[in-house]
Protein backbone atom coordinates (compact mmCIF):
# COMPACT_ATOMS: atom_id res chain seq x y z
CA MET A 1 114.40 83.63 117.34
CA ILE A 2 115.45 80.07 116.50
CA GLY A 3 112.43 77.84 115.61
CA MET A 4 110.10 80.83 114.90
CA LYS A 5 108.86 82.43 111.74
CA HIS A 6 110.71 85.71 111.04
CA ARG A 7 108.61 88.50 109.80
CA ILE A 8 110.38 90.12 106.82
CA TYR A 9 109.05 93.34 105.12
CA VAL A 10 110.00 93.02 101.54
CA GLU A 11 110.52 96.65 100.21
CA THR A 12 109.98 97.24 96.45
CA SER A 13 113.49 97.13 95.42
CA VAL A 14 113.78 93.51 96.24
CA ILE A 15 110.64 92.81 94.31
CA SER A 16 112.16 94.58 91.36
CA TYR A 17 115.34 92.41 91.28
CA LEU A 18 113.22 89.31 91.74
CA ALA A 19 111.15 90.15 88.82
CA ALA A 20 113.73 91.44 86.67
CA ARG A 21 115.15 89.67 83.52
CA PRO A 22 118.38 87.98 84.39
CA SER A 23 121.22 90.43 84.44
CA ALA A 24 124.66 90.14 82.86
CA ASP A 25 125.90 92.85 85.43
CA ALA A 26 127.60 91.14 88.33
CA VAL A 27 126.22 93.26 90.99
CA SER A 28 122.56 92.99 89.55
CA ALA A 29 122.79 89.48 88.92
CA THR A 30 123.94 88.88 92.68
CA ARG A 31 121.22 90.93 93.89
CA GLN A 32 118.72 88.93 91.83
CA HIS A 33 120.33 85.79 93.16
CA PHE A 34 119.92 86.68 96.86
CA SER A 35 116.46 88.27 96.20
CA PHE A 36 115.43 84.86 94.89
CA GLN A 37 116.95 83.04 97.78
CA LEU A 38 114.90 85.21 100.18
CA TRP A 39 111.82 84.64 98.11
CA GLN A 40 112.33 80.85 98.50
CA ARG A 41 111.96 81.27 102.27
CA ARG A 42 108.35 82.33 101.99
CA ASP A 43 107.09 79.03 103.33
CA ARG A 44 109.41 79.39 106.23
CA ASP A 45 109.17 82.95 107.12
CA ASP A 46 106.49 85.66 106.66
CA LEU A 47 107.43 87.85 103.70
CA LEU A 48 105.41 90.95 103.91
CA ILE A 49 104.49 93.84 101.80
CA SER A 50 102.15 96.87 102.02
CA ASP A 51 100.03 98.97 99.66
CA ALA A 52 103.12 101.18 99.22
CA VAL A 53 105.06 98.27 97.67
CA LEU A 54 102.13 97.50 95.45
CA SER A 55 101.92 101.11 94.30
CA GLU A 56 105.57 101.27 93.48
CA ALA A 57 105.64 97.75 91.87
CA ALA A 58 102.72 98.78 89.35
CA LEU A 59 104.74 101.81 87.98
CA GLY A 60 106.79 101.96 84.92
CA ASP A 61 106.73 99.47 81.91
CA GLN A 62 103.54 97.41 81.85
CA ASP A 63 105.12 94.01 81.48
CA ALA A 64 107.80 94.75 84.08
CA ALA A 65 105.00 95.95 86.38
CA LYS A 66 102.86 92.83 85.78
CA ASN A 67 105.81 90.66 86.68
CA ARG A 68 106.55 92.61 89.91
CA LEU A 69 102.66 92.47 90.89
CA ASN A 70 102.71 88.68 90.22
CA TYR A 71 105.44 88.19 92.92
CA CYS A 72 103.53 90.38 95.26
CA GLU A 73 100.37 88.32 94.92
CA ASN A 74 101.96 85.43 96.98
CA LEU A 75 103.05 87.79 99.95
CA GLN A 76 101.02 88.65 102.83
CA ARG A 77 100.01 92.29 102.71
CA LEU A 78 100.20 94.51 105.97
CA ASP A 79 97.53 97.09 106.59
CA LEU A 80 98.25 100.69 107.09
CA PRO A 81 98.21 101.44 110.79
CA ASP A 82 96.61 104.75 111.78
CA ASP A 83 100.03 106.35 112.84
CA THR A 84 101.67 105.48 109.54
CA GLU A 85 101.46 109.04 107.95
CA ALA A 86 102.53 110.65 111.24
CA ILE A 87 105.53 108.36 111.63
CA ALA A 88 106.51 108.82 108.02
CA GLN A 89 106.40 112.78 108.30
CA ARG A 90 108.39 112.42 111.51
CA LEU A 91 111.00 110.51 109.64
CA LEU A 92 111.25 113.16 107.07
CA ARG A 93 111.15 116.20 109.46
CA SER A 94 113.92 114.73 111.41
CA LYS A 95 116.04 114.42 108.35
CA ALA A 96 116.40 110.66 108.98
CA MET A 97 115.18 110.41 105.25
CA PRO A 98 115.11 113.17 102.51
CA ALA A 99 111.80 114.86 101.59
CA LYS A 100 111.87 113.01 98.14
CA ALA A 101 111.93 109.78 100.00
CA TYR A 102 108.35 109.86 101.21
CA THR A 103 107.32 106.37 100.10
CA ASP A 104 110.50 104.97 101.60
CA ALA A 105 109.50 106.66 104.94
CA VAL A 106 106.09 105.05 104.57
CA HIS A 107 107.69 101.74 104.22
CA ILE A 108 109.78 102.17 107.25
CA ALA A 109 106.71 103.40 109.23
CA ILE A 110 104.60 100.48 108.28
CA ALA A 111 107.25 97.91 109.02
CA ALA A 112 108.11 99.57 112.44
CA LEU A 113 104.48 99.84 113.51
CA HIS A 114 103.89 96.13 112.67
CA GLU A 115 106.97 95.25 114.50
CA VAL A 116 108.47 93.29 111.76
CA HIS A 117 111.85 91.51 112.54
CA PHE A 118 113.64 92.64 109.29
CA ILE A 119 113.11 95.11 106.45
CA ALA A 120 114.84 93.66 103.29
CA SER A 121 115.92 96.43 100.89
CA TRP A 122 118.55 96.92 98.07
CA ASN A 123 117.84 100.77 98.31
CA PHE A 124 121.15 101.80 99.72
CA ARG A 125 120.54 105.64 99.09
CA HIS A 126 117.58 106.07 101.48
CA ILE A 127 117.13 102.61 103.61
CA ALA A 128 119.81 100.01 103.45
CA GLY A 129 122.93 102.14 103.38
CA ALA A 130 125.02 102.33 106.50
CA LEU A 131 124.34 106.00 107.42
CA ALA A 132 120.58 105.70 106.20
CA ARG A 133 120.24 102.74 108.59
CA ARG A 134 121.78 104.68 111.55
CA ARG A 135 119.52 107.77 110.90
CA ILE A 136 116.34 105.66 110.71
CA GLU A 137 117.26 103.53 113.60
CA THR A 138 118.04 106.59 115.64
CA ALA A 139 114.77 108.17 114.66
CA LEU A 140 112.36 105.28 115.21
CA ALA A 141 114.12 104.61 118.71
CA THR A 142 113.75 108.42 119.64
CA ILE A 143 109.96 108.04 119.09
CA GLY A 144 109.81 104.73 121.06
CA LEU A 145 109.23 102.39 118.26
CA LYS A 146 110.58 99.08 118.02
CA VAL A 147 113.49 99.07 115.30
CA PRO A 148 113.46 96.34 112.76
CA VAL A 149 116.78 95.05 111.32
CA ILE A 150 117.29 96.85 108.02
CA ALA A 151 119.43 94.72 105.74
CA THR A 152 119.82 93.51 102.36
CA PRO A 153 118.49 89.94 101.48
CA GLU A 154 122.09 88.71 101.50
CA GLU A 155 122.62 90.04 105.02
CA ILE A 156 119.30 88.63 106.23
CA LEU A 157 119.93 85.08 104.70
CA GLU A 158 123.37 85.16 106.30
CA SER A 159 121.78 85.88 109.76
CA LEU A 160 119.08 83.19 109.34
CA SER A 161 121.40 80.30 108.14
């Protein structure tokens, strides 16, 4: 992949850290830093979002939502492939993701169907945690989909440097 543009699906948690007010909490500040570093790659790589990201980014406090949506404006939006719903439901039925994580399953389905290289996420519970990654990767491979690398922005940046 040297010399080529990487296709990176930016899940909503990354947008949230990117748009948040600077945090005094060390973990949050670090996540904000690496989210911003990934954001700065948008001219070198394809940072991609979907309508699912836009819907989640629009939730909550109006000012915060506006900030999140401003970041989204500068990113390429992937369409919703026909199989998105079926793949998302399959991830839930296979217990790769819990039933309450429907939107997260949609993110994974869209990214996999578009054959992105990476899914950038800070959502350790349902997407970027070690066990969550393994379950998702196994479920996608079982149905014959190309499996994107699921990683935090920090891990992605480290791989691309």
